[in-house]
Amino acid sequence: MVLRIIFSIFIASFLAALASVFLGYEDQAKYVAAPALVFSGWAAIGHLLTLDDDAPGEWSNPEGSKPFWRKSMFELILKFLVFASVGIIFYA
């Protein structure tokens, strides 16, 4: 439930900021995009800090599964791409 709420806030913030940019309100878009930047950064940095748990043989991956590790790395890259794209679109 909490994940849905956070994801909804991210999407609403991102879309509202995108609309603000297209309508010519670039300064206001930075304020509206702040929740999207915070939540995407939180997800990316949080995943990076706990990445060692997903390594083969560690806490979240005791069986040593390589596909689990690759999936975690893919998710990390995707989260950082979203974080970087929000930052570049609205703050660069």
PDB file of N, CA and C in Angstrom:
ATOM      1  N   MET A   1       0.820  -1.194   0.000  1.00  0.00           N
ATOM      2  CA  MET A   1       0.000   0.000   0.000  1.00  0.00           C
ATOM      3  C   MET A   1       0.873   1.271   0.000  1.00  0.00           C
ATOM      4  N   VAL A   2       1.887   1.268   0.849  1.00  0.00           N
ATOM      5  CA  VAL A   2       2.772   2.429   0.932  1.00  0.00           C
ATOM      6  C   VAL A   2       3.519   2.612  -0.384  1.00  0.00           C
ATOM      7  N   LEU A   3       3.921   1.504  -0.995  1.00  0.00           N
ATOM      8  CA  LEU A   3       4.627   1.569  -2.274  1.00  0.00           C
ATOM      9  C   LEU A   3       3.754   2.213  -3.347  1.00  0.00           C
ATOM     10  N   ARG A   4       2.487   1.883  -3.360  1.00  0.00           N
ATOM     11  CA  ARG A   4       1.559   2.502  -4.317  1.00  0.00           C
ATOM     12  C   ARG A   4       1.438   4.004  -4.094  1.00  0.00           C
ATOM     13  N   ILE A   5       1.374   4.395  -2.849  1.00  0.00           N
ATOM     14  CA  ILE A   5       1.245   5.820  -2.530  1.00  0.00           C
ATOM     15  C   ILE A   5       2.493   6.575  -2.986  1.00  0.00           C
ATOM     16  N   ILE A   6       3.665   6.035  -2.668  1.00  0.00           N
ATOM     17  CA  ILE A   6       4.909   6.691  -3.064  1.00  0.00           C
ATOM     18  C   ILE A   6       5.033   6.748  -4.577  1.00  0.00           C
ATOM     19  N   PHE A   7       4.709   5.639  -5.249  1.00  0.00           N
ATOM     20  CA  PHE A   7       4.773   5.613  -6.707  1.00  0.00           C
ATOM     21  C   PHE A   7       3.779   6.599  -7.312  1.00  0.00           C
ATOM     22  N   SER A   8       2.588   6.710  -6.736  1.00  0.00           N
ATOM     23  CA  SER A   8       1.590   7.666  -7.228  1.00  0.00           C
ATOM     24  C   SER A   8       2.056   9.109  -7.059  1.00  0.00           C
ATOM     25  N   ILE A   9       2.678   9.409  -5.934  1.00  0.00           N
ATOM     26  CA  ILE A   9       3.209  10.756  -5.709  1.00  0.00           C
ATOM     27  C   ILE A   9       4.317  11.053  -6.714  1.00  0.00           C
ATOM     28  N   PHE A  10       5.183  10.061  -6.965  1.00  0.00           N
ATOM     29  CA  PHE A  10       6.246  10.240  -7.952  1.00  0.00           C
ATOM     30  C   PHE A  10       5.665  10.539  -9.326  1.00  0.00           C
ATOM     31  N   ILE A  11       4.716   9.732  -9.771  1.00  0.00           N
ATOM     32  CA  ILE A  11       4.115   9.911 -11.101  1.00  0.00           C
ATOM     33  C   ILE A  11       3.393  11.253 -11.193  1.00  0.00           C
ATOM     34  N   ALA A  12       2.617  11.593 -10.163  1.00  0.00           N
ATOM     35  CA  ALA A  12       1.892  12.867 -10.179  1.00  0.00           C
ATOM     36  C   ALA A  12       2.859  14.045 -10.226  1.00  0.00           C
ATOM     37  N   SER A  13       3.911  13.984  -9.441  1.00  0.00           N
ATOM     38  CA  SER A  13       4.903  15.056  -9.419  1.00  0.00           C
ATOM     39  C   SER A  13       5.607  15.170 -10.764  1.00  0.00           C
ATOM     40  N   PHE A  14       6.012  14.042 -11.323  1.00  0.00           N
ATOM     41  CA  PHE A  14       6.714  14.045 -12.604  1.00  0.00           C
ATOM     42  C   PHE A  14       5.825  14.588 -13.724  1.00  0.00           C
ATOM     43  N   LEU A  15       4.594  14.111 -13.796  1.00  0.00           N
ATOM     44  CA  LEU A  15       3.696  14.562 -14.863  1.00  0.00           C
ATOM     45  C   LEU A  15       3.308  16.030 -14.705  1.00  0.00           C
ATOM     46  N   ALA A  16       3.085  16.468 -13.481  1.00  0.00           N
ATOM     47  CA  ALA A  16       2.743  17.877 -13.253  1.00  0.00           C
ATOM     48  C   ALA A  16       3.929  18.782 -13.606  1.00  0.00           C
ATOM     49  N   ALA A  17       5.131  18.361 -13.267  1.00  0.00           N
ATOM     50  CA  ALA A  17       6.312  19.157 -13.610  1.00  0.00           C
ATOM     51  C   ALA A  17       6.539  19.166 -15.115  1.00  0.00           C
ATOM     52  N   LEU A  18       6.287  18.048 -15.758  1.00  0.00           N
ATOM     53  CA  LEU A  18       6.412  17.981 -17.210  1.00  0.00           C
ATOM     54  C   LEU A  18       5.415  18.916 -17.883  1.00  0.00           C
ATOM     55  N   ALA A  19       4.195  18.938 -17.377  1.00  0.00           N
ATOM     56  CA  ALA A  19       3.190  19.854 -17.909  1.00  0.00           C
ATOM     57  C   ALA A  19       3.598  21.312 -17.676  1.00  0.00           C
ATOM     58  N   SER A  20       4.179  21.589 -16.522  1.00  0.00           N
ATOM     59  CA  SER A  20       4.635  22.950 -16.233  1.00  0.00           C
ATOM     60  C   SER A  20       5.715  23.399 -17.199  1.00  0.00           C
ATOM     61  N   VAL A  21       6.623  22.481 -17.523  1.00  0.00           N
ATOM     62  CA  VAL A  21       7.687  22.819 -18.475  1.00  0.00           C
ATOM     63  C   VAL A  21       7.098  23.089 -19.853  1.00  0.00           C
ATOM     64  N   PHE A  22       6.184  22.236 -20.292  1.00  0.00           N
ATOM     65  CA  PHE A  22       5.586  22.419 -21.616  1.00  0.00           C
ATOM     66  C   PHE A  22       4.744  23.683 -21.710  1.00  0.00           C
ATOM     67  N   LEU A  23       4.188  24.126 -20.592  1.00  0.00           N
ATOM     68  CA  LEU A  23       3.387  25.352 -20.583  1.00  0.00           C
ATOM     69  C   LEU A  23       4.230  26.600 -20.361  1.00  0.00           C
ATOM     70  N   GLY A  24       5.538  26.428 -20.169  1.00  0.00           N
ATOM     71  CA  GLY A  24       6.435  27.571 -20.052  1.00  0.00           C
ATOM     72  C   GLY A  24       6.732  28.025 -18.639  1.00  0.00           C
ATOM     73  N   TYR A  25       6.391  27.235 -17.651  1.00  0.00           N
ATOM     74  CA  TYR A  25       6.641  27.590 -16.250  1.00  0.00           C
ATOM     75  C   TYR A  25       7.810  26.771 -15.697  1.00  0.00           C
ATOM     76  N   GLU A  26       9.005  27.013 -16.240  1.00  0.00           N
ATOM     77  CA  GLU A  26      10.167  26.221 -15.854  1.00  0.00           C
ATOM     78  C   GLU A  26      10.552  26.404 -14.384  1.00  0.00           C
ATOM     79  N   ASP A  27      10.410  27.615 -13.862  1.00  0.00           N
ATOM     80  CA  ASP A  27      10.775  27.858 -12.462  1.00  0.00           C
ATOM     81  C   ASP A  27       9.871  27.087 -11.500  1.00  0.00           C
ATOM     82  N   GLN A  28       8.580  27.070 -11.781  1.00  0.00           N
ATOM     83  CA  GLN A  28       7.649  26.348 -10.918  1.00  0.00           C
ATOM     84  C   GLN A  28       7.813  24.834 -11.065  1.00  0.00           C
ATOM     85  N   ALA A  29       8.261  24.389 -12.232  1.00  0.00           N
ATOM     86  CA  ALA A  29       8.451  22.957 -12.459  1.00  0.00           C
ATOM     87  C   ALA A  29       9.499  22.384 -11.511  1.00  0.00           C
ATOM     88  N   LYS A  30      10.485  23.189 -11.132  1.00  0.00           N
ATOM     89  CA  LYS A  30      11.507  22.706 -10.205  1.00  0.00           C
ATOM     90  C   LYS A  30      10.912  22.378  -8.841  1.00  0.00           C
ATOM     91  N   TYR A  31       9.964  23.167  -8.396  1.00  0.00           N
ATOM     92  CA  TYR A  31       9.324  22.906  -7.112  1.00  0.00           C
ATOM     93  C   TYR A  31       8.382  21.711  -7.202  1.00  0.00           C
ATOM     94  N   VAL A  32       7.676  21.614  -8.306  1.00  0.00           N
ATOM     95  CA  VAL A  32       6.723  20.526  -8.481  1.00  0.00           C
ATOM     96  C   VAL A  32       7.454  19.192  -8.668  1.00  0.00           C
ATOM     97  N   ALA A  33       8.623  19.218  -9.287  1.00  0.00           N
ATOM     98  CA  ALA A  33       9.392  17.993  -9.535  1.00  0.00           C
ATOM     99  C   ALA A  33      10.187  17.529  -8.324  1.00  0.00           C
ATOM    100  N   ALA A  34      10.245  18.320  -7.274  1.00  0.00           N
ATOM    101  CA  ALA A  34      11.055  17.957  -6.110  1.00  0.00           C
ATOM    102  C   ALA A  34      10.669  16.606  -5.501  1.00  0.00           C
ATOM    103  N   PRO A  35       9.385  16.295  -5.319  1.00  0.00           N
ATOM    104  CA  PRO A  35       9.057  14.958  -4.785  1.00  0.00           C
ATOM    105  C   PRO A  35       9.522  13.828  -5.701  1.00  0.00           C
ATOM    106  N   ALA A  36       9.418  14.010  -7.009  1.00  0.00           N
ATOM    107  CA  ALA A  36       9.881  12.980  -7.941  1.00  0.00           C
ATOM    108  C   ALA A  36      11.390  12.781  -7.801  1.00  0.00           C
ATOM    109  N   LEU A  37      12.130  13.868  -7.663  1.00  0.00           N
ATOM    110  CA  LEU A  37      13.582  13.772  -7.505  1.00  0.00           C
ATOM    111  C   LEU A  37      13.939  13.106  -6.173  1.00  0.00           C
ATOM    112  N   VAL A  38      13.258  13.470  -5.117  1.00  0.00           N
ATOM    113  CA  VAL A  38      13.545  12.905  -3.797  1.00  0.00           C
ATOM    114  C   VAL A  38      13.238  11.414  -3.761  1.00  0.00           C
ATOM    115  N   PHE A  39      12.065  11.017  -4.262  1.00  0.00           N
ATOM    116  CA  PHE A  39      11.695   9.601  -4.206  1.00  0.00           C
ATOM    117  C   PHE A  39      12.555   8.743  -5.123  1.00  0.00           C
ATOM    118  N   SER A  40      12.899   9.248  -6.303  1.00  0.00           N
ATOM    119  CA  SER A  40      13.745   8.456  -7.196  1.00  0.00           C
ATOM    120  C   SER A  40      15.174   8.365  -6.643  1.00  0.00           C
ATOM    121  N   GLY A  41      15.652   9.443  -6.049  1.00  0.00           N
ATOM    122  CA  GLY A  41      16.971   9.405  -5.411  1.00  0.00           C
ATOM    123  C   GLY A  41      16.999   8.489  -4.210  1.00  0.00           C
ATOM    124  N   TRP A  42      15.938   8.514  -3.437  1.00  0.00           N
ATOM    125  CA  TRP A  42      15.817   7.651  -2.266  1.00  0.00           C
ATOM    126  C   TRP A  42      15.876   6.179  -2.695  1.00  0.00           C
ATOM    127  N   ALA A  43      15.155   5.843  -3.748  1.00  0.00           N
ATOM    128  CA  ALA A  43      15.142   4.458  -4.235  1.00  0.00           C
ATOM    129  C   ALA A  43      16.517   4.053  -4.766  1.00  0.00           C
ATOM    130  N   ALA A  44      17.146   4.921  -5.543  1.00  0.00           N
ATOM    131  CA  ALA A  44      18.436   4.583  -6.150  1.00  0.00           C
ATOM    132  C   ALA A  44      19.540   4.474  -5.095  1.00  0.00           C
ATOM    133  N   ILE A  45      19.628   5.435  -4.221  1.00  0.00           N
ATOM    134  CA  ILE A  45      20.698   5.426  -3.209  1.00  0.00           C
ATOM    135  C   ILE A  45      20.456   4.319  -2.184  1.00  0.00           C
ATOM    136  N   GLY A  46      19.186   4.088  -1.828  1.00  0.00           N
ATOM    137  CA  GLY A  46      18.868   2.994  -0.908  1.00  0.00           C
ATOM    138  C   GLY A  46      19.241   1.645  -1.479  1.00  0.00           C
ATOM    139  N   HIS A  47      18.984   1.455  -2.765  1.00  0.00           N
ATOM    140  CA  HIS A  47      19.354   0.194  -3.411  1.00  0.00           C
ATOM    141  C   HIS A  47      20.875   0.048  -3.460  1.00  0.00           C
ATOM    142  N   LEU A  48      21.564   1.133  -3.755  1.00  0.00           N
ATOM    143  CA  LEU A  48      23.026   1.084  -3.792  1.00  0.00           C
ATOM    144  C   LEU A  48      23.614   0.721  -2.427  1.00  0.00           C
ATOM    145  N   LEU A  49      23.057   1.285  -1.368  1.00  0.00           N
ATOM    146  CA  LEU A  49      23.577   1.015  -0.027  1.00  0.00           C
ATOM    147  C   LEU A  49      23.342  -0.423   0.416  1.00  0.00           C
ATOM    148  N   THR A  50      22.286  -1.050  -0.092  1.00  0.00           N
ATOM    149  CA  THR A  50      21.982  -2.428   0.303  1.00  0.00           C
ATOM    150  C   THR A  50      22.308  -3.428  -0.804  1.00  0.00           C
ATOM    151  N   LEU A  51      23.074  -3.014  -1.795  1.00  0.00           N
ATOM    152  CA  LEU A  51      23.388  -3.885  -2.922  1.00  0.00           C
ATOM    153  C   LEU A  51      24.177  -5.122  -2.496  1.00  0.00           C
ATOM    154  N   ASP A  52      25.024  -4.998  -1.503  1.00  0.00           N
ATOM    155  CA  ASP A  52      25.821  -6.143  -1.072  1.00  0.00           C
ATOM    156  C   ASP A  52      24.958  -7.275  -0.528  1.00  0.00           C
ATOM    157  N   ASP A  53      23.748  -6.983  -0.057  1.00  0.00           N
ATOM    158  CA  ASP A  53      22.844  -8.037   0.420  1.00  0.00           C
ATOM    159  C   ASP A  53      22.379  -8.941  -0.719  1.00  0.00           C
ATOM    160  N   ASP A  54      22.366  -8.431  -1.938  1.00  0.00           N
ATOM    161  CA  ASP A  54      21.902  -9.209  -3.083  1.00  0.00           C
ATOM    162  C   ASP A  54      23.021 -10.003  -3.750  1.00  0.00           C
ATOM    163  N   ALA A  55      24.245  -9.815  -3.324  1.00  0.00           N
ATOM    164  CA  ALA A  55      25.381 -10.537  -3.906  1.00  0.00           C
ATOM    165  C   ALA A  55      25.235 -12.039  -3.636  1.00  0.00           C
ATOM    166  N   PRO A  56      25.783 -12.866  -4.513  1.00  0.00           N
ATOM    167  CA  PRO A  56      25.687 -14.313  -4.299  1.00  0.00           C
ATOM    168  C   PRO A  56      26.250 -14.726  -2.944  1.00  0.00           C
ATOM    169  N   GLY A  57      25.436 -15.469  -2.201  1.00  0.00           N
ATOM    170  CA  GLY A  57      25.847 -15.965  -0.893  1.00  0.00           C
ATOM    171  C   GLY A  57      25.569 -15.018   0.261  1.00  0.00           C
ATOM    172  N   GLU A  58      25.014 -13.866  -0.009  1.00  0.00           N
ATOM    173  CA  GLU A  58      24.771 -12.899   1.063  1.00  0.00           C
ATOM    174  C   GLU A  58      23.330 -13.022   1.589  1.00  0.00           C
ATOM    175  N   TRP A  59      22.931 -12.065   2.402  1.00  0.00           N
ATOM    176  CA  TRP A  59      21.688 -12.119   3.166  1.00  0.00           C
ATOM    177  C   TRP A  59      20.444 -12.368   2.308  1.00  0.00           C
ATOM    178  N   SER A  60      20.245 -11.621   1.255  1.00  0.00           N
ATOM    179  CA  SER A  60      19.051 -11.768   0.425  1.00  0.00           C
ATOM    180  C   SER A  60      19.198 -12.851  -0.635  1.00  0.00           C
ATOM    181  N   ASN A  61      20.381 -13.360  -0.821  1.00  0.00           N
ATOM    182  CA  ASN A  61      20.650 -14.335  -1.874  1.00  0.00           C
ATOM    183  C   ASN A  61      21.526 -15.470  -1.332  1.00  0.00           C
ATOM    184  N   PRO A  62      21.037 -16.221  -0.333  1.00  0.00           N
ATOM    185  CA  PRO A  62      21.892 -17.254   0.276  1.00  0.00           C
ATOM    186  C   PRO A  62      22.190 -18.429  -0.658  1.00  0.00           C
ATOM    187  N   GLU A  63      21.361 -18.624  -1.690  1.00  0.00           N
ATOM    188  CA  GLU A  63      21.606 -19.737  -2.610  1.00  0.00           C
ATOM    189  C   GLU A  63      22.708 -19.425  -3.614  1.00  0.00           C
ATOM    190  N   GLY A  64      23.108 -18.170  -3.718  1.00  0.00           N
ATOM    191  CA  GLY A  64      24.148 -17.771  -4.658  1.00  0.00           C
ATOM    192  C   GLY A  64      23.651 -17.679  -6.088  1.00  0.00           C
ATOM    193  N   SER A  65      22.420 -17.301  -6.271  1.00  0.00           N
ATOM    194  CA  SER A  65      21.800 -17.237  -7.596  1.00  0.00           C
ATOM    195  C   SER A  65      22.355 -16.068  -8.412  1.00  0.00           C
ATOM    196  N   LYS A  66      22.930 -16.380  -9.559  1.00  0.00           N
ATOM    197  CA  LYS A  66      23.447 -15.328 -10.454  1.00  0.00           C
ATOM    198  C   LYS A  66      22.314 -14.525 -11.096  1.00  0.00           C
ATOM    199  N   PRO A  67      21.195 -15.151 -11.530  1.00  0.00           N
ATOM    200  CA  PRO A  67      20.098 -14.344 -12.097  1.00  0.00           C
ATOM    201  C   PRO A  67      19.529 -13.329 -11.098  1.00  0.00           C
ATOM    202  N   PHE A  68      19.481 -13.708  -9.833  1.00  0.00           N
ATOM    203  CA  PHE A  68      19.004 -12.774  -8.806  1.00  0.00           C
ATOM    204  C   PHE A  68      19.936 -11.572  -8.712  1.00  0.00           C
ATOM    205  N   TRP A  69      21.238 -11.809  -8.762  1.00  0.00           N
ATOM    206  CA  TRP A  69      22.241 -10.746  -8.703  1.00  0.00           C
ATOM    207  C   TRP A  69      22.140  -9.844  -9.926  1.00  0.00           C
ATOM    208  N   ARG A  70      22.004 -10.446 -11.117  1.00  0.00           N
ATOM    209  CA  ARG A  70      21.881  -9.657 -12.349  1.00  0.00           C
ATOM    210  C   ARG A  70      20.612  -8.812 -12.339  1.00  0.00           C
ATOM    211  N   LYS A  71      19.512  -9.384 -11.842  1.00  0.00           N
ATOM    212  CA  LYS A  71      18.252  -8.640 -11.754  1.00  0.00           C
ATOM    213  C   LYS A  71      18.411  -7.439 -10.821  1.00  0.00           C
ATOM    214  N   SER A  72      19.102  -7.647  -9.720  1.00  0.00           N
ATOM    215  CA  SER A  72      19.337  -6.549  -8.781  1.00  0.00           C
ATOM    216  C   SER A  72      20.187  -5.449  -9.407  1.00  0.00           C
ATOM    217  N   MET A  73      21.203  -5.842 -10.152  1.00  0.00           N
ATOM    218  CA  MET A  73      22.044  -4.853 -10.830  1.00  0.00           C
ATOM    219  C   MET A  73      21.248  -4.088 -11.891  1.00  0.00           C
ATOM    220  N   PHE A  74      20.402  -4.802 -12.638  1.00  0.00           N
ATOM    221  CA  PHE A  74      19.559  -4.160 -13.637  1.00  0.00           C
ATOM    222  C   PHE A  74      18.609  -3.158 -12.980  1.00  0.00           C
ATOM    223  N   GLU A  75      18.001  -3.549 -11.867  1.00  0.00           N
ATOM    224  CA  GLU A  75      17.107  -2.641 -11.147  1.00  0.00           C
ATOM    225  C   GLU A  75      17.856  -1.407 -10.651  1.00  0.00           C
ATOM    226  N   LEU A  76      19.075  -1.587 -10.172  1.00  0.00           N
ATOM    227  CA  LEU A  76      19.886  -0.460  -9.704  1.00  0.00           C
ATOM    228  C   LEU A  76      20.179   0.505 -10.845  1.00  0.00           C
ATOM    229  N   ILE A  77      20.578  -0.024 -11.985  1.00  0.00           N
ATOM    230  CA  ILE A  77      20.858   0.832 -13.147  1.00  0.00           C
ATOM    231  C   ILE A  77      19.609   1.580 -13.566  1.00  0.00           C
ATOM    232  N   LEU A  78      18.482   0.882 -13.597  1.00  0.00           N
ATOM    233  CA  LEU A  78      17.218   1.515 -13.972  1.00  0.00           C
ATOM    234  C   LEU A  78      16.832   2.628 -12.996  1.00  0.00           C
ATOM    235  N   LYS A  79      17.010   2.399 -11.708  1.00  0.00           N
ATOM    236  CA  LYS A  79      16.688   3.418 -10.705  1.00  0.00           C
ATOM    237  C   LYS A  79      17.576   4.646 -10.853  1.00  0.00           C
ATOM    238  N   PHE A  80      18.867   4.437 -11.120  1.00  0.00           N
ATOM    239  CA  PHE A  80      19.752   5.585 -11.309  1.00  0.00           C
ATOM    240  C   PHE A  80      19.454   6.323 -12.607  1.00  0.00           C
ATOM    241  N   LEU A  81      19.018   5.605 -13.633  1.00  0.00           N
ATOM    242  CA  LEU A  81      18.622   6.278 -14.879  1.00  0.00           C
ATOM    243  C   LEU A  81      17.396   7.155 -14.668  1.00  0.00           C
ATOM    244  N   VAL A  82      16.434   6.664 -13.908  1.00  0.00           N
ATOM    245  CA  VAL A  82      15.240   7.468 -13.605  1.00  0.00           C
ATOM    246  C   VAL A  82      15.640   8.687 -12.782  1.00  0.00           C
ATOM    247  N   PHE A  83      16.471   8.486 -11.771  1.00  0.00           N
ATOM    248  CA  PHE A  83      16.937   9.581 -10.923  1.00  0.00           C
ATOM    249  C   PHE A  83      17.675  10.640 -11.751  1.00  0.00           C
ATOM    250  N   ALA A  84      18.574  10.180 -12.616  1.00  0.00           N
ATOM    251  CA  ALA A  84      19.339  11.107 -13.451  1.00  0.00           C
ATOM    252  C   ALA A  84      18.446  11.817 -14.453  1.00  0.00           C
ATOM    253  N   SER A  85      17.485  11.109 -15.030  1.00  0.00           N
ATOM    254  CA  SER A  85      16.609  11.751 -16.017  1.00  0.00           C
ATOM    255  C   SER A  85      15.730  12.812 -15.373  1.00  0.00           C
ATOM    256  N   VAL A  86      15.218  12.551 -14.182  1.00  0.00           N
ATOM    257  CA  VAL A  86      14.425  13.578 -13.481  1.00  0.00           C
ATOM    258  C   VAL A  86      15.301  14.785 -13.186  1.00  0.00           C
ATOM    259  N   GLY A  87      16.508  14.546 -12.721  1.00  0.00           N
ATOM    260  CA  GLY A  87      17.416  15.647 -12.431  1.00  0.00           C
ATOM    261  C   GLY A  87      17.790  16.452 -13.658  1.00  0.00           C
ATOM    262  N   ILE A  88      18.060  15.772 -14.746  1.00  0.00           N
ATOM    263  CA  ILE A  88      18.453  16.472 -15.976  1.00  0.00           C
ATOM    264  C   ILE A  88      17.281  17.224 -16.598  1.00  0.00           C
ATOM    265  N   ILE A  89      16.129  16.583 -16.648  1.00  0.00           N
ATOM    266  CA  ILE A  89      14.965  17.221 -17.285  1.00  0.00           C
ATOM    267  C   ILE A  89      14.553  18.498 -16.568  1.00  0.00           C
ATOM    268  N   PHE A  90      14.536  18.464 -15.253  1.00  0.00           N
ATOM    269  CA  PHE A  90      13.971  19.594 -14.516  1.00  0.00           C
ATOM    270  C   PHE A  90      14.994  20.511 -13.844  1.00  0.00           C
ATOM    271  N   TYR A  91      16.222  20.062 -13.671  1.00  0.00           N
ATOM    272  CA  TYR A  91      17.165  20.870 -12.925  1.00  0.00           C
ATOM    273  C   TYR A  91      18.425  21.249 -13.698  1.00  0.00           C
ATOM    274  N   ALA A  92      18.578  20.782 -14.900  1.00  0.00           N
ATOM    275  CA  ALA A  92      19.776  21.128 -15.672  1.00  0.00           C
ATOM    276  C   ALA A  92      19.542  22.351 -16.534  1.00  0.00           C
TER     277      ALA A  92
END
